[in-house]
Amino acid sequence: MKSEITISEAQQQVDHWIKTVGVRYFNELTNMSILMEEVGELARIMSRTYGEQSFKESDKGNDLGDEMADVLWVLICLANQTGVDLTDAMKKNFEKKNIRDIDRHKNNEKLK
């Protein structure tokens, strides 16, 4: 596998893995629950690494990047299941933000 992959390639690779190794997708509601579980695991590492919580013995060895990848994996599963092209969705999202927020953050006194 090459070192960089596009969002589209990631969607294709996840789909291929699910259909060959994973047998089939879990249903959408199950994957939504799994996504929340994975976000919780990511939040746990973030709160212990950057927040005030201390690490527990069971937290040791958890990898921030791996947890982010788990979140992305399940999000890609949901996109594949619901027919969302994430590349197109991201392009539209950038367009929306560039129009809506063109001066919003520059004028935010809290960010100065």
Protein backbone atom coordinates (compact mmCIF):
# COMPACT_ATOMS: atom_id res chain seq x y z
CA MET A 1 0.00 0.00 0.00
CA LYS A 2 1.34 3.44 -0.88
CA SER A 3 2.03 5.87 1.95
CA GLU A 4 -0.75 8.34 1.09
CA ILE A 5 -4.33 7.56 0.24
CA THR A 6 -7.15 9.81 -0.81
CA ILE A 7 -10.47 9.88 0.99
CA SER A 8 -11.99 8.10 -2.00
CA GLU A 9 -9.34 5.39 -1.86
CA ALA A 10 -9.94 4.98 1.87
CA GLN A 11 -13.66 4.51 1.20
CA GLN A 12 -12.86 1.88 -1.43
CA GLN A 13 -10.33 0.06 0.76
CA VAL A 14 -12.67 -0.04 3.77
CA ASP A 15 -15.46 -1.36 1.54
CA HIS A 16 -13.18 -4.06 0.13
CA TRP A 17 -12.03 -5.08 3.61
CA ILE A 18 -15.57 -5.21 4.97
CA LYS A 19 -16.76 -7.38 2.07
CA THR A 20 -13.80 -9.78 2.18
CA VAL A 21 -12.53 -9.96 5.75
CA GLY A 22 -15.38 -8.44 7.72
CA VAL A 23 -18.05 -10.48 5.87
CA ARG A 24 -20.55 -7.58 5.79
CA TYR A 25 -21.25 -4.17 7.26
CA PHE A 26 -22.90 -3.97 10.65
CA ASN A 27 -26.21 -2.15 10.28
CA GLU A 28 -26.15 1.64 10.34
CA LEU A 29 -27.41 1.99 13.91
CA THR A 30 -24.86 -0.52 15.19
CA ASN A 31 -22.09 1.38 13.38
CA MET A 32 -23.38 4.67 14.82
CA SER A 33 -23.08 3.16 18.31
CA ILE A 34 -19.60 1.84 17.50
CA LEU A 35 -18.64 5.32 16.28
CA MET A 36 -19.70 6.82 19.61
CA GLU A 37 -17.71 4.14 21.44
CA GLU A 38 -14.61 4.92 19.38
CA VAL A 39 -15.04 8.67 19.94
CA GLY A 40 -15.23 7.92 23.68
CA GLU A 41 -11.95 6.00 23.53
CA LEU A 42 -10.37 8.93 21.69
CA ALA A 43 -11.75 11.36 24.28
CA ARG A 44 -10.31 9.22 27.08
CA ILE A 45 -6.78 9.47 25.64
CA MET A 46 -7.19 13.20 24.94
CA SER A 47 -8.39 13.94 28.48
CA ARG A 48 -5.50 12.01 29.98
CA THR A 49 -2.85 13.40 27.62
CA TYR A 50 -3.97 17.04 27.39
CA GLY A 51 -6.44 17.37 30.26
CA GLU A 52 -6.22 16.97 33.99
CA GLN A 53 -7.05 13.27 34.23
CA SER A 54 -4.26 10.86 35.07
CA PHE A 55 -3.59 7.68 33.14
CA LYS A 56 -4.86 4.39 34.49
CA GLU A 57 -2.82 1.23 34.05
CA SER A 58 -5.36 0.07 31.43
CA ASP A 59 -4.76 3.28 29.42
CA LYS A 60 -1.08 2.63 28.94
CA GLY A 61 -0.11 1.69 25.42
CA ASN A 62 -3.13 3.34 23.82
CA ASP A 63 -2.13 5.23 20.71
CA LEU A 64 -3.78 8.55 19.84
CA GLY A 65 -3.35 8.08 16.09
CA ASP A 66 -4.77 4.57 16.22
CA GLU A 67 -7.85 5.82 18.08
CA MET A 68 -8.34 8.59 15.52
CA ALA A 69 -8.03 6.01 12.74
CA ASP A 70 -10.68 3.85 14.46
CA VAL A 71 -13.05 6.84 14.45
CA LEU A 72 -12.30 7.51 10.79
CA TRP A 73 -12.77 3.84 9.88
CA VAL A 74 -16.28 3.66 11.34
CA LEU A 75 -17.20 7.06 9.87
CA ILE A 76 -16.11 5.74 6.47
CA CYS A 77 -18.24 2.64 7.03
CA LEU A 78 -21.26 4.85 7.68
CA ALA A 79 -20.51 6.95 4.61
CA ASN A 80 -20.24 3.83 2.46
CA GLN A 81 -23.47 2.41 3.83
CA THR A 82 -25.45 5.59 3.31
CA GLY A 83 -24.05 6.47 -0.12
CA VAL A 84 -22.06 9.51 0.98
CA ASP A 85 -19.03 10.41 -1.14
CA LEU A 86 -16.79 11.90 1.53
CA THR A 87 -14.54 13.64 -1.01
CA ASP A 88 -17.52 15.49 -2.43
CA ALA A 89 -18.90 16.16 1.06
CA MET A 90 -15.58 17.65 2.20
CA LYS A 91 -15.35 19.88 -0.88
CA LYS A 92 -18.87 21.18 -0.22
CA ASN A 93 -18.07 21.63 3.47
CA PHE A 94 -14.98 23.72 2.68
CA GLU A 95 -17.04 25.85 0.30
CA LYS A 96 -19.69 26.37 2.97
CA LYS A 97 -17.13 27.32 5.61
CA ASN A 98 -15.27 29.67 3.26
CA ILE A 99 -18.48 31.56 2.52
CA ARG A 100 -20.08 31.48 5.97
CA ASP A 101 -16.95 32.03 8.05
CA ILE A 102 -14.89 34.32 5.80
CA ASP A 103 -14.56 36.96 8.55
CA ARG A 104 -16.16 35.22 11.50
CA HIS A 105 -12.98 33.97 13.18
CA LYS A 106 -10.90 37.03 12.28
CA ASN A 107 -13.47 39.19 14.06
CA ASN A 108 -13.78 36.93 17.11
CA GLU A 109 -12.31 38.81 20.07
CA LYS A 110 -11.92 35.51 21.95
CA LEU A 111 -9.35 34.34 19.39
CA LYS A 112 -7.13 37.41 19.63
